[in-house]
């Protein structure tokens, strides 16, 4: 299955956050999250692109930061992704999944960008991607285009 997904450039939207936040909802919920972990890790190890999806709101989950950061943490800590791959899942791969990778998703000439300036390197430790841990300064420049 994963080989076919890779050959067809299929992107898996694992939504680990959805299953992790609900793992205490019923008797079978912990097993559902375990399956999510195992399948996401297997897909990643097989070279399938993984999108970072949450379907969750920070307020409902009582988290002080956007759920996409939590999703990246789960992708690294529970599915074995490298931090840089989790970051790309939340940026470029998500843009590819929506078909807008030519406009956003990476820092390139002519693309729109949202930048986060962090004190510590999130490619070394995904926890550094949290502005509440890293004391980050959010720079919203989504309407600007980089040009030389």
N, C-alpha and C. Protein backbone atom coordinates (compact mmCIF):
# COMPACT_ATOMS: atom_id res chain seq x y z
N UNK A 1 0.83 -1.19 0.00
CA UNK A 1 0.00 0.00 0.00
C UNK A 1 0.88 1.26 0.00
N UNK A 2 1.89 1.31 0.88
CA UNK A 2 2.73 2.50 0.97
C UNK A 2 3.55 2.72 -0.31
N UNK A 3 3.98 1.63 -0.93
CA UNK A 3 4.73 1.77 -2.18
C UNK A 3 3.86 2.41 -3.25
N UNK A 4 2.60 2.00 -3.30
CA UNK A 4 1.65 2.57 -4.26
C UNK A 4 1.41 4.05 -3.95
N UNK A 5 1.29 4.39 -2.66
CA UNK A 5 1.10 5.79 -2.28
C UNK A 5 2.30 6.63 -2.71
N UNK A 6 3.49 6.10 -2.49
CA UNK A 6 4.71 6.82 -2.86
C UNK A 6 4.79 7.01 -4.37
N UNK A 7 4.52 5.95 -5.13
CA UNK A 7 4.59 6.02 -6.59
C UNK A 7 3.58 7.02 -7.16
N UNK A 8 2.42 7.13 -6.52
CA UNK A 8 1.37 8.02 -6.99
C UNK A 8 1.42 9.40 -6.33
N UNK A 9 2.49 9.66 -5.56
CA UNK A 9 2.67 10.93 -4.86
C UNK A 9 1.46 11.26 -3.97
N UNK A 10 0.91 10.22 -3.34
CA UNK A 10 -0.21 10.38 -2.43
C UNK A 10 0.30 10.90 -1.10
N UNK A 11 -0.38 11.85 -0.53
CA UNK A 11 0.02 12.43 0.75
C UNK A 11 -0.91 11.90 1.84
N UNK A 12 -0.31 11.38 2.91
CA UNK A 12 -1.08 10.89 4.05
C UNK A 12 -1.30 12.03 5.04
N UNK A 13 -2.54 12.30 5.38
CA UNK A 13 -2.88 13.27 6.42
C UNK A 13 -3.19 12.46 7.67
N UNK A 14 -2.16 12.25 8.49
CA UNK A 14 -2.28 11.34 9.63
C UNK A 14 -3.21 11.85 10.73
N UNK A 15 -3.29 13.15 10.92
CA UNK A 15 -4.13 13.74 11.96
C UNK A 15 -3.90 13.08 13.32
N UNK A 16 -2.65 12.95 13.68
CA UNK A 16 -2.31 12.31 14.95
C UNK A 16 -2.93 13.04 16.13
N UNK A 17 -3.02 14.36 16.05
CA UNK A 17 -3.60 15.15 17.14
C UNK A 17 -5.03 14.73 17.43
N UNK A 18 -5.81 14.49 16.40
CA UNK A 18 -7.21 14.11 16.58
C UNK A 18 -7.31 12.83 17.42
N UNK A 19 -6.51 11.84 17.08
CA UNK A 19 -6.58 10.56 17.78
C UNK A 19 -5.92 10.63 19.15
N UNK A 20 -4.86 11.42 19.28
CA UNK A 20 -4.17 11.54 20.57
C UNK A 20 -5.06 12.26 21.59
N UNK A 21 -5.73 13.32 21.17
CA UNK A 21 -6.58 14.07 22.10
C UNK A 21 -7.81 13.28 22.52
N UNK A 22 -8.16 12.27 21.73
CA UNK A 22 -9.35 11.46 22.03
C UNK A 22 -9.00 10.08 22.54
N UNK A 23 -7.75 9.85 22.89
CA UNK A 23 -7.34 8.48 23.25
C UNK A 23 -7.98 7.98 24.54
N UNK A 24 -8.58 8.85 25.32
CA UNK A 24 -9.29 8.42 26.53
C UNK A 24 -10.81 8.45 26.36
N UNK A 25 -11.28 8.65 25.15
CA UNK A 25 -12.72 8.82 24.90
C UNK A 25 -13.52 7.53 25.07
N UNK A 26 -12.91 6.40 24.76
CA UNK A 26 -13.62 5.13 24.87
C UNK A 26 -12.62 4.01 25.12
N UNK A 27 -13.14 2.82 25.30
CA UNK A 27 -12.28 1.66 25.56
C UNK A 27 -11.33 1.39 24.40
N UNK A 28 -11.76 1.62 23.18
CA UNK A 28 -10.93 1.33 22.00
C UNK A 28 -10.07 2.50 21.54
N UNK A 29 -10.28 3.67 22.12
CA UNK A 29 -9.55 4.86 21.67
C UNK A 29 -8.03 4.74 21.79
N UNK A 30 -7.49 4.17 22.88
CA UNK A 30 -6.03 4.03 22.93
C UNK A 30 -5.48 3.18 21.79
N UNK A 31 -6.21 2.14 21.40
CA UNK A 31 -5.78 1.29 20.28
C UNK A 31 -5.83 2.06 18.97
N UNK A 32 -6.82 2.92 18.83
CA UNK A 32 -6.91 3.73 17.61
C UNK A 32 -5.69 4.64 17.50
N UNK A 33 -5.27 5.20 18.63
CA UNK A 33 -4.08 6.06 18.58
C UNK A 33 -2.83 5.23 18.30
N UNK A 34 -2.74 4.06 18.87
CA UNK A 34 -1.60 3.17 18.58
C UNK A 34 -1.54 2.84 17.10
N UNK A 35 -2.69 2.56 16.50
CA UNK A 35 -2.73 2.28 15.06
C UNK A 35 -2.28 3.50 14.26
N UNK A 36 -2.71 4.68 14.69
CA UNK A 36 -2.30 5.91 14.02
C UNK A 36 -0.78 6.06 14.08
N UNK A 37 -0.20 5.81 15.24
CA UNK A 37 1.25 5.90 15.41
C UNK A 37 1.97 4.91 14.48
N UNK A 38 1.53 3.66 14.51
CA UNK A 38 2.19 2.60 13.74
C UNK A 38 2.07 2.87 12.24
N UNK A 39 0.88 3.23 11.78
CA UNK A 39 0.67 3.47 10.35
C UNK A 39 1.42 4.70 9.87
N UNK A 40 1.42 5.76 10.68
CA UNK A 40 2.14 6.97 10.29
C UNK A 40 3.64 6.70 10.21
N UNK A 41 4.16 6.00 11.20
CA UNK A 41 5.60 5.67 11.21
C UNK A 41 5.96 4.79 10.02
N UNK A 42 5.13 3.79 9.73
CA UNK A 42 5.39 2.90 8.59
C UNK A 42 5.34 3.66 7.27
N UNK A 43 4.36 4.55 7.13
CA UNK A 43 4.26 5.35 5.91
C UNK A 43 5.49 6.25 5.76
N UNK A 44 5.90 6.89 6.84
CA UNK A 44 7.07 7.76 6.82
C UNK A 44 8.32 6.96 6.44
N UNK A 45 8.50 5.82 7.08
CA UNK A 45 9.68 4.98 6.79
C UNK A 45 9.68 4.46 5.35
N UNK A 46 8.49 4.35 4.75
CA UNK A 46 8.38 3.90 3.36
C UNK A 46 8.55 5.05 2.37
N UNK A 47 8.70 6.27 2.88
CA UNK A 47 8.91 7.42 1.99
C UNK A 47 7.65 8.13 1.55
N UNK A 48 6.51 7.83 2.18
CA UNK A 48 5.25 8.50 1.85
C UNK A 48 5.28 9.90 2.47
N UNK A 49 4.82 10.88 1.72
CA UNK A 49 4.73 12.24 2.26
C UNK A 49 3.63 12.29 3.31
N UNK A 50 3.93 12.95 4.42
CA UNK A 50 2.98 13.07 5.53
C UNK A 50 2.61 14.53 5.70
N UNK A 51 1.31 14.82 5.66
CA UNK A 51 0.83 16.17 5.95
C UNK A 51 0.56 16.29 7.44
N UNK A 52 0.78 17.46 7.99
CA UNK A 52 0.50 17.70 9.40
C UNK A 52 -0.89 18.30 9.51
N UNK A 53 -1.85 17.47 9.85
CA UNK A 53 -3.23 17.92 9.98
C UNK A 53 -3.71 17.75 11.40
N UNK A 54 -4.62 18.61 11.83
CA UNK A 54 -5.05 18.54 13.22
C UNK A 54 -6.55 18.40 13.40
N UNK A 55 -7.33 19.11 12.61
CA UNK A 55 -8.78 19.16 12.82
C UNK A 55 -9.13 19.50 14.25
N UNK A 56 -8.24 20.19 14.94
CA UNK A 56 -8.47 20.51 16.34
C UNK A 56 -8.20 21.99 16.59
N UNK A 57 -8.92 22.52 17.53
CA UNK A 57 -8.74 23.93 17.88
C UNK A 57 -8.02 24.02 19.21
N UNK A 58 -7.12 24.97 19.31
CA UNK A 58 -6.34 25.15 20.53
C UNK A 58 -7.23 25.35 21.75
N UNK A 59 -8.29 26.11 21.59
CA UNK A 59 -9.17 26.38 22.73
C UNK A 59 -9.82 25.11 23.26
N UNK A 60 -10.32 24.28 22.35
CA UNK A 60 -10.98 23.05 22.76
C UNK A 60 -10.02 22.09 23.45
N UNK A 61 -8.78 22.10 23.01
CA UNK A 61 -7.78 21.19 23.59
C UNK A 61 -7.10 21.79 24.81
N UNK A 62 -7.41 23.04 25.10
CA UNK A 62 -6.82 23.75 26.23
C UNK A 62 -5.29 23.81 26.14
N UNK A 63 -4.81 24.03 24.92
CA UNK A 63 -3.37 24.20 24.68
C UNK A 63 -3.09 25.68 24.47
N UNK A 64 -1.96 26.17 24.94
CA UNK A 64 -1.65 27.59 24.80
C UNK A 64 -1.02 27.96 23.46
N UNK A 65 -0.99 27.03 22.52
CA UNK A 65 -0.34 27.29 21.24
C UNK A 65 -1.13 26.60 20.14
N UNK A 66 -0.90 26.98 18.89
CA UNK A 66 -1.63 26.35 17.78
C UNK A 66 -1.41 24.84 17.72
N UNK A 67 -2.44 24.13 17.39
CA UNK A 67 -2.38 22.67 17.39
C UNK A 67 -1.40 22.11 16.35
N UNK A 68 -1.07 22.89 15.33
CA UNK A 68 -0.11 22.40 14.34
C UNK A 68 1.25 22.14 15.00
N UNK A 69 1.59 22.92 16.00
CA UNK A 69 2.83 22.68 16.73
C UNK A 69 2.75 21.37 17.51
N UNK A 70 1.61 21.12 18.09
CA UNK A 70 1.41 19.87 18.82
C UNK A 70 1.48 18.68 17.86
N UNK A 71 0.89 18.85 16.69
CA UNK A 71 0.94 17.80 15.66
C UNK A 71 2.39 17.51 15.27
N UNK A 72 3.19 18.54 15.08
CA UNK A 72 4.60 18.33 14.74
C UNK A 72 5.32 17.57 15.85
N UNK A 73 5.01 17.90 17.10
CA UNK A 73 5.62 17.19 18.23
C UNK A 73 5.24 15.72 18.21
N UNK A 74 3.98 15.42 17.93
CA UNK A 74 3.53 14.03 17.86
C UNK A 74 4.19 13.29 16.70
N UNK A 75 4.32 13.96 15.56
CA UNK A 75 4.97 13.32 14.41
C UNK A 75 6.41 12.93 14.73
N UNK A 76 7.09 13.77 15.49
CA UNK A 76 8.47 13.48 15.87
C UNK A 76 8.52 12.46 17.02
N UNK A 77 7.83 12.77 18.11
CA UNK A 77 7.95 11.97 19.32
C UNK A 77 7.24 10.62 19.26
N UNK A 78 6.12 10.55 18.54
CA UNK A 78 5.34 9.32 18.52
C UNK A 78 5.40 8.55 17.20
N UNK A 79 5.77 9.22 16.11
CA UNK A 79 5.84 8.53 14.81
C UNK A 79 7.27 8.45 14.28
N UNK A 80 8.22 8.99 15.01
CA UNK A 80 9.62 8.82 14.65
C UNK A 80 10.13 9.69 13.51
N UNK A 81 9.40 10.74 13.17
CA UNK A 81 9.89 11.62 12.10
C UNK A 81 11.05 12.47 12.60
N UNK A 82 11.91 12.86 11.68
CA UNK A 82 12.95 13.84 12.00
C UNK A 82 12.28 15.20 12.14
N UNK A 83 12.77 16.05 13.03
CA UNK A 83 12.15 17.38 13.19
C UNK A 83 12.01 18.16 11.88
N UNK A 84 13.03 18.15 11.04
CA UNK A 84 12.95 18.90 9.78
C UNK A 84 11.82 18.36 8.90
N UNK A 85 11.59 17.05 8.93
CA UNK A 85 10.51 16.46 8.13
C UNK A 85 9.14 16.85 8.69
N UNK A 86 9.02 16.94 10.01
CA UNK A 86 7.75 17.38 10.61
C UNK A 86 7.47 18.83 10.25
N UNK A 87 8.52 19.66 10.25
CA UNK A 87 8.36 21.07 9.86
C UNK A 87 7.92 21.15 8.40
N UNK A 88 8.53 20.36 7.53
CA UNK A 88 8.13 20.36 6.12
C UNK A 88 6.71 19.81 5.96
N UNK A 89 6.30 18.89 6.82
CA UNK A 89 4.92 18.39 6.79
C UNK A 89 3.92 19.51 7.06
N UNK A 90 4.29 20.40 7.96
CA UNK A 90 3.40 21.51 8.33
C UNK A 90 3.46 22.67 7.36
N UNK A 91 4.43 22.67 6.47
CA UNK A 91 4.59 23.80 5.55
C UNK A 91 4.44 23.33 4.10
N UNK A 92 5.51 22.85 3.52
CA UNK A 92 5.52 22.49 2.11
C UNK A 92 4.56 21.34 1.77
N UNK A 93 4.56 20.29 2.58
CA UNK A 93 3.68 19.14 2.28
C UNK A 93 2.22 19.54 2.42
N UNK A 94 1.89 20.35 3.43
CA UNK A 94 0.51 20.83 3.55
C UNK A 94 0.12 21.67 2.34
N UNK A 95 1.04 22.51 1.87
CA UNK A 95 0.76 23.31 0.68
C UNK A 95 0.54 22.40 -0.54
N UNK A 96 1.36 21.36 -0.66
CA UNK A 96 1.18 20.39 -1.76
C UNK A 96 -0.17 19.70 -1.66
N UNK A 97 -0.57 19.33 -0.45
CA UNK A 97 -1.86 18.65 -0.26
C UNK A 97 -3.02 19.52 -0.70
N UNK A 98 -2.86 20.84 -0.57
CA UNK A 98 -3.91 21.78 -0.97
C UNK A 98 -3.74 22.27 -2.40
N UNK A 99 -2.65 21.85 -3.05
CA UNK A 99 -2.41 22.27 -4.42
C UNK A 99 -1.96 23.72 -4.57
N UNK A 100 -1.37 24.27 -3.51
CA UNK A 100 -0.94 25.68 -3.56
C UNK A 100 0.56 25.82 -3.32
N UNK A 101 1.31 24.76 -3.56
CA UNK A 101 2.75 24.78 -3.29
C UNK A 101 3.54 25.75 -4.18
N UNK A 102 2.92 26.22 -5.27
CA UNK A 102 3.61 27.20 -6.11
C UNK A 102 3.49 28.61 -5.54
N UNK A 103 2.57 28.81 -4.60
CA UNK A 103 2.38 30.11 -3.98
C UNK A 103 2.93 30.19 -2.56
N UNK A 104 2.85 29.09 -1.80
CA UNK A 104 3.25 29.09 -0.39
C UNK A 104 3.90 27.75 -0.04
N UNK A 105 4.40 27.65 1.19
CA UNK A 105 4.90 26.37 1.67
C UNK A 105 6.40 26.30 1.83
N UNK A 106 7.11 27.19 1.15
CA UNK A 106 8.57 27.25 1.28
C UNK A 106 9.00 28.69 0.99
N UNK A 107 10.20 29.01 1.42
CA UNK A 107 10.71 30.36 1.18
C UNK A 107 11.44 30.37 -0.15
N UNK A 108 10.78 30.95 -1.15
CA UNK A 108 11.34 31.01 -2.50
C UNK A 108 10.93 32.33 -3.14
N UNK A 109 11.70 32.74 -4.10
CA UNK A 109 11.42 33.96 -4.85
C UNK A 109 10.00 33.92 -5.41
N UNK A 110 9.21 34.95 -5.11
CA UNK A 110 7.86 35.07 -5.64
C UNK A 110 6.77 34.42 -4.81
N UNK A 111 7.13 33.69 -3.75
CA UNK A 111 6.12 33.05 -2.91
C UNK A 111 5.77 33.92 -1.72
N UNK A 112 4.54 33.76 -1.24
CA UNK A 112 4.12 34.39 0.00
C UNK A 112 4.74 33.61 1.16
N UNK A 113 4.99 34.30 2.28
CA UNK A 113 5.64 33.63 3.40
C UNK A 113 5.10 34.11 4.74
N UNK A 114 4.99 33.19 5.66
CA UNK A 114 4.78 33.48 7.08
C UNK A 114 6.04 32.99 7.77
N UNK A 115 6.67 33.84 8.53
CA UNK A 115 7.91 33.46 9.19
C UNK A 115 7.75 33.52 10.69
N UNK A 116 8.42 32.61 11.36
CA UNK A 116 8.51 32.60 12.81
C UNK A 116 9.99 32.65 13.14
N UNK A 117 10.38 33.62 13.93
CA UNK A 117 11.76 33.73 14.36
C UNK A 117 11.85 33.08 15.74
N UNK A 118 12.69 32.08 15.87
CA UNK A 118 12.81 31.33 17.12
C UNK A 118 14.18 31.54 17.75
N UNK A 119 14.25 31.38 19.05
CA UNK A 119 15.52 31.50 19.75
C UNK A 119 16.40 30.26 19.58
N UNK A 120 15.76 29.10 19.40
CA UNK A 120 16.50 27.85 19.32
C UNK A 120 16.10 27.11 18.05
N UNK A 121 16.96 26.23 17.60
CA UNK A 121 16.80 25.51 16.34
C UNK A 121 15.80 24.35 16.47
N UNK A 122 14.64 24.44 15.79
CA UNK A 122 13.65 23.36 15.88
C UNK A 122 14.06 22.10 15.11
N UNK A 123 15.07 22.19 14.26
CA UNK A 123 15.53 20.99 13.57
C UNK A 123 16.36 20.12 14.49
N UNK A 124 16.81 20.67 15.60
CA UNK A 124 17.56 19.90 16.61
C UNK A 124 16.60 19.30 17.63
N UNK A 125 15.55 20.04 17.96
CA UNK A 125 14.55 19.60 18.94
C UNK A 125 13.22 20.26 18.56
N UNK A 126 12.24 19.46 18.21
CA UNK A 126 10.97 19.99 17.73
C UNK A 126 10.27 20.85 18.78
N UNK A 127 10.57 20.63 20.05
CA UNK A 127 9.99 21.46 21.12
C UNK A 127 10.40 22.93 20.94
N UNK A 128 11.50 23.17 20.26
CA UNK A 128 11.95 24.54 20.00
C UNK A 128 11.05 25.27 19.01
N UNK A 129 10.12 24.58 18.38
CA UNK A 129 9.19 25.21 17.45
C UNK A 129 8.06 25.93 18.17
N UNK A 130 7.93 25.67 19.46
CA UNK A 130 6.87 26.32 20.22
C UNK A 130 7.31 27.72 20.65
N UNK A 131 6.54 28.75 20.27
CA UNK A 131 6.93 30.10 20.66
C UNK A 131 6.85 30.30 22.17
N UNK A 132 6.11 29.45 22.86
CA UNK A 132 5.99 29.60 24.30
C UNK A 132 7.18 28.96 25.01
N UNK A 133 7.81 28.00 24.36
CA UNK A 133 9.05 27.42 24.88
C UNK A 133 10.22 28.27 24.44
N UNK A 134 10.22 28.65 23.18
CA UNK A 134 11.36 29.37 22.59
C UNK A 134 11.28 30.88 22.75
N UNK A 135 10.17 31.39 23.27
CA UNK A 135 10.02 32.83 23.42
C UNK A 135 10.15 33.52 22.06
N UNK A 136 9.42 33.01 21.09
CA UNK A 136 9.57 33.46 19.70
C UNK A 136 8.87 34.78 19.44
N UNK A 137 9.33 35.41 18.41
CA UNK A 137 8.70 36.61 17.89
C UNK A 137 8.05 36.23 16.57
N UNK A 138 6.74 36.31 16.51
CA UNK A 138 6.02 35.97 15.29
C UNK A 138 6.05 37.17 14.36
N UNK A 139 6.49 36.93 13.17
CA UNK A 139 6.54 37.98 12.16
C UNK A 139 5.56 37.60 11.07
N UNK A 140 4.41 38.24 11.03
CA UNK A 140 3.41 37.90 10.03
C UNK A 140 3.60 38.73 8.78
N UNK A 141 4.09 38.10 7.75
CA UNK A 141 4.29 38.81 6.49
C UNK A 141 3.63 38.05 5.36
N UNK A 142 2.48 37.47 5.62
CA UNK A 142 1.85 36.60 4.64
C UNK A 142 1.45 37.36 3.37
N UNK A 143 1.30 38.65 3.44
CA UNK A 143 0.88 39.37 2.25
C UNK A 143 2.07 39.91 1.44
N UNK A 144 3.27 39.73 1.95
CA UNK A 144 4.46 40.21 1.25
C UNK A 144 5.08 39.12 0.41
N UNK A 145 5.71 39.50 -0.68
CA UNK A 145 6.42 38.54 -1.51
C UNK A 145 7.89 38.89 -1.52
N UNK A 146 8.70 37.87 -1.41
CA UNK A 146 10.14 38.07 -1.47
C UNK A 146 10.56 38.35 -2.90
N UNK A 147 11.32 39.39 -3.09
CA UNK A 147 11.83 39.67 -4.43
C UNK A 147 13.23 40.24 -4.31
N UNK A 148 14.04 40.05 -5.31
CA UNK A 148 15.42 40.53 -5.28
C UNK A 148 15.56 41.79 -6.08
